Amino acid sequence: MNGQPASIISPTGDGHALPVHVAIIMDGNRRWARARGRPPIFGHQQGANAVRAVLETARDLGIRYVTLFAFSAENWHRPASEIDDLMNLLRFYLRREIGTLANNNAQLRFLGDLSVLDAEIRSLINQALAVTRGNTGTLVTLALNYGSRQAIADAASKLAAAAARGEIAPETITPERFGRALNGDVPDPDLLIRTSGEQRLSNFLLWELAYTELVFSPVPWPDFDQERFREALVEFARRERRYGASGG
């Protein structure tokens, strides 16, 4: 979005280059639960614990941005009972974890169409935004009811409307300006992690992932702990990022 985000050096002193922005597709909750003879909500609950572990590690290492694909627009096609469970878990998470995020100096942000969520969840989201707004640590973005194609269409529509009103000239719509219309001033992800062995983007941050390094982990999300997160960061550090230029 805003050019090539520079990597940072691990404060642990191990010399590894760390990503500034990590995006994660948290996959495998339901399969993890089924393998244990439990309902899907059990996997989602355990997945919430994995979120906490990853965010604590990101805080400790100084990773500035973490974006989590929490609920896609396509997830509404799941059974109604599972959707109800997911919404209840979201309510629980917002009530329980926001204090922890605030105490850890994290700031919360959301992507996606939140208008279709019920009034109670929207109220909890607004409270979470207010409580964490002044924090200066990791910016945690939750993608809720999110689909990248729709987000791209919405950004194009917004810029087209501004051009039609004479507020901007069409020729000034650059990739950088389009990126800001999509995701504000948040830099594009340096690293995308997808768990549970799947190797696809599933309509997540399609524009923003143009030059992102991809790491696919076979581990289901509930088992993705701090050690596995660090392993993904080490894999990222091994990569040579060329942004289309020739290698050395």
C-alpha atoms as a PDB file:
ATOM      1  CA  MET A   1       0.000   0.000   0.000  1.00  0.00           C
ATOM      2  CA  ASN A   2       2.544   2.583   1.138  1.00  0.00           C
ATOM      3  CA  GLY A   3       5.642   1.248  -0.590  1.00  0.00           C
ATOM      4  CA  GLN A   4       8.034  -1.320   0.826  1.00  0.00           C
ATOM      5  CA  PRO A   5       7.811  -1.507   4.642  1.00  0.00           C
ATOM      6  CA  ALA A   6      11.220  -1.922   6.189  1.00  0.00           C
ATOM      7  CA  SER A   7      11.824  -4.904   8.420  1.00  0.00           C
ATOM      8  CA  ILE A   8      12.955  -4.349  11.975  1.00  0.00           C
ATOM      9  CA  ILE A   9      15.650  -6.169  13.879  1.00  0.00           C
ATOM     10  CA  SER A  10      14.634  -8.462  16.697  1.00  0.00           C
ATOM     11  CA  PRO A  11      15.147  -6.807  20.089  1.00  0.00           C
ATOM     12  CA  THR A  12      16.236 -10.213  21.377  1.00  0.00           C
ATOM     13  CA  GLY A  13      19.551  -9.636  19.664  1.00  0.00           C
ATOM     14  CA  ASP A  14      19.472 -12.770  17.519  1.00  0.00           C
ATOM     15  CA  GLY A  15      19.938 -10.750  14.342  1.00  0.00           C
ATOM     16  CA  HIS A  16      16.758 -11.930  12.662  1.00  0.00           C
ATOM     17  CA  ALA A  17      14.871  -9.404  10.576  1.00  0.00           C
ATOM     18  CA  LEU A  18      11.301  -9.186  11.834  1.00  0.00           C
ATOM     19  CA  PRO A  19       8.227  -8.183   9.853  1.00  0.00           C
ATOM     20  CA  VAL A  20       6.618  -4.862  10.663  1.00  0.00           C
ATOM     21  CA  HIS A  21       3.157  -6.223   9.787  1.00  0.00           C
ATOM     22  CA  VAL A  22       1.988  -9.832  10.139  1.00  0.00           C
ATOM     23  CA  ALA A  23      -1.359 -10.986   8.754  1.00  0.00           C
ATOM     24  CA  ILE A  24      -2.821 -14.342   9.776  1.00  0.00           C
ATOM     25  CA  ILE A  25      -5.559 -16.574   8.364  1.00  0.00           C
ATOM     26  CA  MET A  26      -6.522 -18.569  11.447  1.00  0.00           C
ATOM     27  CA  ASP A  27      -7.596 -21.866   9.909  1.00  0.00           C
ATOM     28  CA  GLY A  28      -8.341 -25.288  11.359  1.00  0.00           C
ATOM     29  CA  ASN A  29     -10.483 -24.636  14.444  1.00  0.00           C
ATOM     30  CA  ARG A  30     -13.357 -26.861  13.327  1.00  0.00           C
ATOM     31  CA  ARG A  31     -11.139 -29.707  12.121  1.00  0.00           C
ATOM     32  CA  TRP A  32      -9.188 -29.578  15.372  1.00  0.00           C
ATOM     33  CA  ALA A  33     -12.432 -29.903  17.341  1.00  0.00           C
ATOM     34  CA  ARG A  34     -13.808 -32.705  15.150  1.00  0.00           C
ATOM     35  CA  ALA A  35     -10.591 -34.689  15.581  1.00  0.00           C
ATOM     36  CA  ARG A  36     -11.315 -34.630  19.311  1.00  0.00           C
ATOM     37  CA  GLY A  37     -14.987 -35.490  19.009  1.00  0.00           C
ATOM     38  CA  ARG A  38     -16.008 -32.000  20.109  1.00  0.00           C
ATOM     39  CA  PRO A  39     -18.358 -29.390  18.549  1.00  0.00           C
ATOM     40  CA  PRO A  40     -16.873 -26.586  16.407  1.00  0.00           C
ATOM     41  CA  ILE A  41     -17.213 -23.986  19.169  1.00  0.00           C
ATOM     42  CA  PHE A  42     -14.646 -25.916  21.226  1.00  0.00           C
ATOM     43  CA  GLY A  43     -12.092 -25.357  18.478  1.00  0.00           C
ATOM     44  CA  HIS A  44     -12.979 -21.680  18.195  1.00  0.00           C
ATOM     45  CA  GLN A  45     -12.579 -21.255  21.962  1.00  0.00           C
ATOM     46  CA  GLN A  46      -9.139 -22.843  21.882  1.00  0.00           C
ATOM     47  CA  GLY A  47      -8.315 -20.689  18.871  1.00  0.00           C
ATOM     48  CA  ALA A  48      -8.959 -17.596  21.008  1.00  0.00           C
ATOM     49  CA  ASN A  49      -6.156 -18.779  23.297  1.00  0.00           C
ATOM     50  CA  ALA A  50      -3.836 -18.985  20.292  1.00  0.00           C
ATOM     51  CA  VAL A  51      -4.714 -15.375  19.454  1.00  0.00           C
ATOM     52  CA  ARG A  52      -3.582 -14.325  22.913  1.00  0.00           C
ATOM     53  CA  ALA A  53      -0.284 -16.210  22.565  1.00  0.00           C
ATOM     54  CA  VAL A  54       0.501 -14.650  19.183  1.00  0.00           C
ATOM     55  CA  LEU A  55      -0.364 -11.126  20.311  1.00  0.00           C
ATOM     56  CA  GLU A  56       1.776 -11.472  23.430  1.00  0.00           C
ATOM     57  CA  THR A  57       4.717 -12.575  21.289  1.00  0.00           C
ATOM     58  CA  ALA A  58       4.144  -9.735  18.824  1.00  0.00           C
ATOM     59  CA  ARG A  59       4.150  -7.293  21.743  1.00  0.00           C
ATOM     60  CA  ASP A  60       7.324  -8.740  23.219  1.00  0.00           C
ATOM     61  CA  LEU A  61       9.165  -8.605  19.878  1.00  0.00           C
ATOM     62  CA  GLY A  62       7.927  -5.147  18.937  1.00  0.00           C
ATOM     63  CA  ILE A  63       5.928  -6.188  15.871  1.00  0.00           C
ATOM     64  CA  ARG A  64       3.942  -3.083  15.045  1.00  0.00           C
ATOM     65  CA  TYR A  65       0.898  -4.468  13.190  1.00  0.00           C
ATOM     66  CA  VAL A  66      -1.033  -7.754  13.380  1.00  0.00           C
ATOM     67  CA  THR A  67      -4.109  -8.377  11.219  1.00  0.00           C
ATOM     68  CA  LEU A  68      -6.304 -11.407  11.971  1.00  0.00           C
ATOM     69  CA  PHE A  69      -8.926 -12.875   9.623  1.00  0.00           C
ATOM     70  CA  ALA A  70     -11.596 -13.529  12.237  1.00  0.00           C
ATOM     71  CA  PHE A  71     -14.818 -13.916  10.221  1.00  0.00           C
ATOM     72  CA  SER A  72     -15.191 -13.749   6.452  1.00  0.00           C
ATOM     73  CA  ALA A  73     -18.242 -12.589   4.540  1.00  0.00           C
ATOM     74  CA  GLU A  74     -18.513 -16.174   3.245  1.00  0.00           C
ATOM     75  CA  ASN A  75     -18.718 -17.568   6.786  1.00  0.00           C
ATOM     76  CA  TRP A  76     -22.408 -16.617   6.906  1.00  0.00           C
ATOM     77  CA  HIS A  77     -23.016 -19.751   4.800  1.00  0.00           C
ATOM     78  CA  ARG A  78     -22.062 -21.964   7.743  1.00  0.00           C
ATOM     79  CA  PRO A  79     -24.796 -23.637   9.826  1.00  0.00           C
ATOM     80  CA  ALA A  80     -26.842 -21.149  11.854  1.00  0.00           C
ATOM     81  CA  SER A  81     -25.905 -22.860  15.119  1.00  0.00           C
ATOM     82  CA  GLU A  82     -22.189 -22.412  14.421  1.00  0.00           C
ATOM     83  CA  ILE A  83     -22.670 -18.763  13.467  1.00  0.00           C
ATOM     84  CA  ASP A  84     -24.525 -18.197  16.736  1.00  0.00           C
ATOM     85  CA  ASP A  85     -21.659 -19.829  18.612  1.00  0.00           C
ATOM     86  CA  LEU A  86     -19.128 -17.651  16.801  1.00  0.00           C
ATOM     87  CA  MET A  87     -21.050 -14.473  17.586  1.00  0.00           C
ATOM     88  CA  ASN A  88     -21.312 -15.494  21.234  1.00  0.00           C
ATOM     89  CA  LEU A  89     -17.574 -16.153  21.274  1.00  0.00           C
ATOM     90  CA  LEU A  90     -16.971 -12.732  19.742  1.00  0.00           C
ATOM     91  CA  ARG A  91     -19.023 -11.128  22.501  1.00  0.00           C
ATOM     92  CA  PHE A  92     -17.071 -13.095  25.100  1.00  0.00           C
ATOM     93  CA  TYR A  93     -13.727 -12.188  23.524  1.00  0.00           C
ATOM     94  CA  LEU A  94     -14.556  -8.497  23.339  1.00  0.00           C
ATOM     95  CA  ARG A  95     -15.594  -8.453  26.989  1.00  0.00           C
ATOM     96  CA  ARG A  96     -12.710 -10.562  28.316  1.00  0.00           C
ATOM     97  CA  GLU A  97      -9.728  -9.607  26.190  1.00  0.00           C
ATOM     98  CA  ILE A  98     -10.112  -5.881  25.601  1.00  0.00           C
ATOM     99  CA  GLY A  99      -8.829  -5.085  29.084  1.00  0.00           C
ATOM    100  CA  THR A 100      -5.779  -7.257  28.421  1.00  0.00           C
ATOM    101  CA  LEU A 101      -5.140  -5.554  25.079  1.00  0.00           C
ATOM    102  CA  ALA A 102      -5.492  -2.143  26.696  1.00  0.00           C
ATOM    103  CA  ASN A 103      -3.120  -3.048  29.533  1.00  0.00           C
ATOM    104  CA  ASN A 104      -0.597  -4.271  26.960  1.00  0.00           C
ATOM    105  CA  ASN A 105      -0.774  -0.902  25.153  1.00  0.00           C
ATOM    106  CA  ALA A 106      -2.354  -2.521  22.070  1.00  0.00           C
ATOM    107  CA  GLN A 107      -4.740  -0.595  19.856  1.00  0.00           C
ATOM    108  CA  LEU A 108      -7.723  -2.345  18.250  1.00  0.00           C
ATOM    109  CA  ARG A 109      -9.050  -1.760  14.746  1.00  0.00           C
ATOM    110  CA  PHE A 110     -11.607  -3.478  12.511  1.00  0.00           C
ATOM    111  CA  LEU A 111     -11.969  -4.212   8.800  1.00  0.00           C
ATOM    112  CA  GLY A 112     -15.190  -5.324   7.131  1.00  0.00           C
ATOM    113  CA  ASP A 113     -18.870  -4.487   7.088  1.00  0.00           C
ATOM    114  CA  LEU A 114     -19.844  -4.275  10.745  1.00  0.00           C
ATOM    115  CA  SER A 115     -23.341  -2.945  10.022  1.00  0.00           C
ATOM    116  CA  VAL A 116     -24.858  -6.435   9.784  1.00  0.00           C
ATOM    117  CA  LEU A 117     -23.674  -7.434  13.267  1.00  0.00           C
ATOM    118  CA  ASP A 118     -26.200  -7.155  16.070  1.00  0.00           C
ATOM    119  CA  ALA A 119     -26.439  -4.005  18.172  1.00  0.00           C
ATOM    120  CA  GLU A 120     -24.785  -5.539  21.234  1.00  0.00           C
ATOM    121  CA  ILE A 121     -21.697  -6.610  19.290  1.00  0.00           C
ATOM    122  CA  ARG A 122     -21.442  -3.218  17.587  1.00  0.00           C
ATOM    123  CA  SER A 123     -21.648  -1.562  21.006  1.00  0.00           C
ATOM    124  CA  LEU A 124     -18.866  -3.795  22.347  1.00  0.00           C
ATOM    125  CA  ILE A 125     -16.755  -2.996  19.267  1.00  0.00           C
ATOM    126  CA  ASN A 126     -17.227   0.741  19.834  1.00  0.00           C
ATOM    127  CA  GLN A 127     -16.255   0.332  23.486  1.00  0.00           C
ATOM    128  CA  ALA A 128     -13.139  -1.614  22.488  1.00  0.00           C
ATOM    129  CA  LEU A 129     -12.152   1.077  19.998  1.00  0.00           C
ATOM    130  CA  ALA A 130     -12.627   3.789  22.605  1.00  0.00           C
ATOM    131  CA  VAL A 131     -10.706   1.959  25.341  1.00  0.00           C
ATOM    132  CA  THR A 132      -7.667   1.242  23.137  1.00  0.00           C
ATOM    133  CA  ARG A 133      -7.678   4.345  20.910  1.00  0.00           C
ATOM    134  CA  GLY A 134      -4.844   6.138  22.673  1.00  0.00           C
ATOM    135  CA  ASN A 135      -2.524   3.133  22.899  1.00  0.00           C
ATOM    136  CA  THR A 136       0.761   3.158  21.024  1.00  0.00           C
ATOM    137  CA  GLY A 137       1.793  -0.521  20.957  1.00  0.00           C
ATOM    138  CA  THR A 138       0.789  -3.206  18.454  1.00  0.00           C
ATOM    139  CA  LEU A 139      -2.113  -2.211  16.208  1.00  0.00           C
ATOM    140  CA  VAL A 140      -4.359  -5.289  16.142  1.00  0.00           C
ATOM    141  CA  THR A 141      -6.824  -5.400  13.254  1.00  0.00           C
ATOM    142  CA  LEU A 142      -9.706  -7.884  13.306  1.00  0.00           C
ATOM    143  CA  ALA A 143     -11.250  -8.569   9.898  1.00  0.00           C
ATOM    144  CA  LEU A 144     -14.942  -9.241  10.609  1.00  0.00           C
ATOM    145  CA  ASN A 145     -17.537  -9.893   7.922  1.00  0.00           C
ATOM    146  CA  TYR A 146     -14.698  -9.096   5.554  1.00  0.00           C
ATOM    147  CA  GLY A 147     -14.090  -9.982   1.913  1.00  0.00           C
ATOM    148  CA  SER A 148     -11.238  -8.439  -0.059  1.00  0.00           C
ATOM    149  CA  ARG A 149     -13.031  -8.245  -3.416  1.00  0.00           C
ATOM    150  CA  GLN A 150     -15.846  -6.244  -1.837  1.00  0.00           C
ATOM    151  CA  ALA A 151     -13.330  -4.041  -0.034  1.00  0.00           C
ATOM    152  CA  ILE A 152     -11.559  -3.327  -3.341  1.00  0.00           C
ATOM    153  CA  ALA A 153     -14.874  -2.536  -5.038  1.00  0.00           C
ATOM    154  CA  ASP A 154     -15.848  -0.223  -2.169  1.00  0.00           C
ATOM    155  CA  ALA A 155     -12.536   1.642  -2.347  1.00  0.00           C
ATOM    156  CA  ALA A 156     -12.869   2.033  -6.128  1.00  0.00           C
ATOM    157  CA  SER A 157     -16.421   3.315  -5.714  1.00  0.00           C
ATOM    158  CA  LYS A 158     -15.334   5.833  -3.066  1.00  0.00           C
ATOM    159  CA  LEU A 159     -12.545   7.208  -5.245  1.00  0.00           C
ATOM    160  CA  ALA A 160     -14.793   7.296  -8.322  1.00  0.00           C
ATOM    161  CA  ALA A 161     -17.422   9.258  -6.392  1.00  0.00           C
ATOM    162  CA  ALA A 162     -14.769  11.724  -5.201  1.00  0.00           C
ATOM    163  CA  ALA A 163     -13.584  12.176  -8.786  1.00  0.00           C
ATOM    164  CA  ALA A 164     -17.167  12.692 -10.001  1.00  0.00           C
ATOM    165  CA  ARG A 165     -17.624  15.436  -7.386  1.00  0.00           C
ATOM    166  CA  GLY A 166     -14.464  17.111  -8.620  1.00  0.00           C
ATOM    167  CA  GLU A 167     -12.639  16.556  -5.343  1.00  0.00           C
ATOM    168  CA  ILE A 168      -9.810  14.603  -6.966  1.00  0.00           C
ATOM    169  CA  ALA A 169      -8.542  14.235 -10.517  1.00  0.00           C
ATOM    170  CA  PRO A 170      -8.770  10.685 -11.907  1.00  0.00           C
ATOM    171  CA  GLU A 171      -5.115  10.762 -12.931  1.00  0.00           C
ATOM    172  CA  THR A 172      -4.110  11.268  -9.297  1.00  0.00           C
ATOM    173  CA  ILE A 173      -5.469   7.843  -8.298  1.00  0.00           C
ATOM    174  CA  THR A 174      -2.166   6.033  -7.862  1.00  0.00           C
ATOM    175  CA  PRO A 175      -1.604   2.587  -6.332  1.00  0.00           C
ATOM    176  CA  GLU A 176      -0.535   4.353  -3.133  1.00  0.00           C
ATOM    177  CA  ARG A 177      -3.711   6.433  -3.011  1.00  0.00           C
ATOM    178  CA  PHE A 178      -5.853   3.402  -3.744  1.00  0.00           C
ATOM    179  CA  GLY A 179      -4.083   1.511  -0.956  1.00  0.00           C
ATOM    180  CA  ARG A 180      -4.852   4.274   1.521  1.00  0.00           C
ATOM    181  CA  ALA A 181      -8.518   4.141   0.500  1.00  0.00           C
ATOM    182  CA  LEU A 182      -8.443   0.431   1.309  1.00  0.00           C
ATOM    183  CA  ASN A 183      -6.505   0.317   4.552  1.00  0.00           C
ATOM    184  CA  GLY A 184      -5.674   3.809   5.763  1.00  0.00           C
ATOM    185  CA  ASP A 185      -2.057   4.369   6.735  1.00  0.00           C
ATOM    186  CA  VAL A 186      -1.414   0.757   7.758  1.00  0.00           C
ATOM    187  CA  PRO A 187       1.483  -0.646   5.680  1.00  0.00           C
ATOM    188  CA  ASP A 188       1.010  -3.761   3.618  1.00  0.00           C
ATOM    189  CA  PRO A 189       1.754  -7.034   5.428  1.00  0.00           C
ATOM    190  CA  ASP A 190       5.337  -8.246   5.242  1.00  0.00           C
ATOM    191  CA  LEU A 191       4.311 -11.761   6.244  1.00  0.00           C
ATOM    192  CA  LEU A 192       1.110 -13.779   5.846  1.00  0.00           C
ATOM    193  CA  ILE A 193       0.703 -16.926   7.921  1.00  0.00           C
ATOM    194  CA  ARG A 194      -2.023 -19.459   7.154  1.00  0.00           C
ATOM    195  CA  THR A 195      -2.425 -22.444   9.443  1.00  0.00           C
ATOM    196  CA  SER A 196      -3.815 -25.965   9.074  1.00  0.00           C
ATOM    197  CA  GLY A 197      -2.088 -26.805   5.806  1.00  0.00           C
ATOM    198  CA  GLU A 198      -4.330 -24.836   3.445  1.00  0.00           C
ATOM    199  CA  GLN A 199      -2.488 -22.878   0.749  1.00  0.00           C
ATOM    200  CA  ARG A 200      -4.837 -20.209  -0.580  1.00  0.00           C
ATOM    201  CA  LEU A 201      -5.735 -16.603   0.241  1.00  0.00           C
ATOM    202  CA  SER A 202      -9.501 -17.073   0.624  1.00  0.00           C
ATOM    203  CA  ASN A 203     -10.382 -13.515  -0.426  1.00  0.00           C
ATOM    204  CA  PHE A 204      -8.169 -11.937   2.247  1.00  0.00           C
ATOM    205  CA  LEU A 205      -6.206  -8.706   1.624  1.00  0.00           C
ATOM    206  CA  LEU A 206      -5.770  -9.466  -2.082  1.00  0.00           C
ATOM    207  CA  TRP A 207      -4.428  -6.008  -2.968  1.00  0.00           C
ATOM    208  CA  GLU A 208      -2.308  -5.660   0.152  1.00  0.00           C
ATOM    209  CA  LEU A 209      -0.580  -9.045  -0.208  1.00  0.00           C
ATOM    210  CA  ALA A 210       0.997  -8.260  -3.593  1.00  0.00           C
ATOM    211  CA  TYR A 211       4.586  -8.549  -2.277  1.00  0.00           C
ATOM    212  CA  THR A 212       3.972 -10.324   1.007  1.00  0.00           C
ATOM    213  CA  GLU A 213       5.956 -13.390   2.019  1.00  0.00           C
ATOM    214  CA  LEU A 214       3.642 -16.376   2.538  1.00  0.00           C
ATOM    215  CA  VAL A 215       4.192 -19.044   5.189  1.00  0.00           C
ATOM    216  CA  PHE A 216       1.803 -22.010   5.292  1.00  0.00           C
ATOM    217  CA  SER A 217       1.862 -23.981   8.515  1.00  0.00           C
ATOM    218  CA  PRO A 218       0.449 -27.522   8.768  1.00  0.00           C
ATOM    219  CA  VAL A 219      -0.493 -26.848  12.404  1.00  0.00           C
ATOM    220  CA  PRO A 220      -4.191 -26.138  13.104  1.00  0.00           C
ATOM    221  CA  TRP A 221      -4.787 -22.743  14.618  1.00  0.00           C
ATOM    222  CA  PRO A 222      -5.602 -23.936  18.183  1.00  0.00           C
ATOM    223  CA  ASP A 223      -2.131 -25.520  18.329  1.00  0.00           C
ATOM    224  CA  PHE A 224      -0.344 -22.491  16.866  1.00  0.00           C
ATOM    225  CA  ASP A 225       1.552 -21.356  19.951  1.00  0.00           C
ATOM    226  CA  GLN A 226       4.348 -18.863  20.579  1.00  0.00           C
ATOM    227  CA  GLU A 227       7.035 -21.312  19.480  1.00  0.00           C
ATOM    228  CA  ARG A 228       5.357 -21.944  16.130  1.00  0.00           C
ATOM    229  CA  PHE A 229       4.838 -18.222  15.625  1.00  0.00           C
ATOM    230  CA  ARG A 230       8.531 -17.639  16.212  1.00  0.00           C
ATOM    231  CA  GLU A 231       9.326 -20.426  13.721  1.00  0.00           C
ATOM    232  CA  ALA A 232       7.282 -18.584  11.092  1.00  0.00           C
ATOM    233  CA  LEU A 233       9.188 -15.394  11.878  1.00  0.00           C
ATOM    234  CA  VAL A 234      12.503 -17.212  11.450  1.00  0.00           C
ATOM    235  CA  GLU A 235      11.287 -18.531   8.082  1.00  0.00           C
ATOM    236  CA  PHE A 236      10.431 -14.966   7.088  1.00  0.00           C
ATOM    237  CA  ALA A 237      13.933 -13.847   8.065  1.00  0.00           C
ATOM    238  CA  ARG A 238      15.423 -16.394   5.647  1.00  0.00           C
ATOM    239  CA  ARG A 239      13.555 -14.910   2.679  1.00  0.00           C
ATOM    240  CA  GLU A 240      15.120 -12.441   0.263  1.00  0.00           C
ATOM    241  CA  ARG A 241      12.508  -9.788  -0.504  1.00  0.00           C
ATOM    242  CA  ARG A 242      13.109  -8.353  -3.990  1.00  0.00           C
ATOM    243  CA  TYR A 243       9.811  -6.628  -4.859  1.00  0.00           C
ATOM    244  CA  GLY A 244      10.172  -7.673  -8.490  1.00  0.00           C
ATOM    245  CA  ALA A 245      13.879  -6.788  -8.786  1.00  0.00           C
ATOM    246  CA  SER A 246      16.534  -9.360  -9.629  1.00  0.00           C
ATOM    247  CA  GLY A 247      18.262 -11.191  -6.833  1.00  0.00           C
ATOM    248  CA  GLY A 248      21.845 -10.810  -5.776  1.00  0.00           C
END
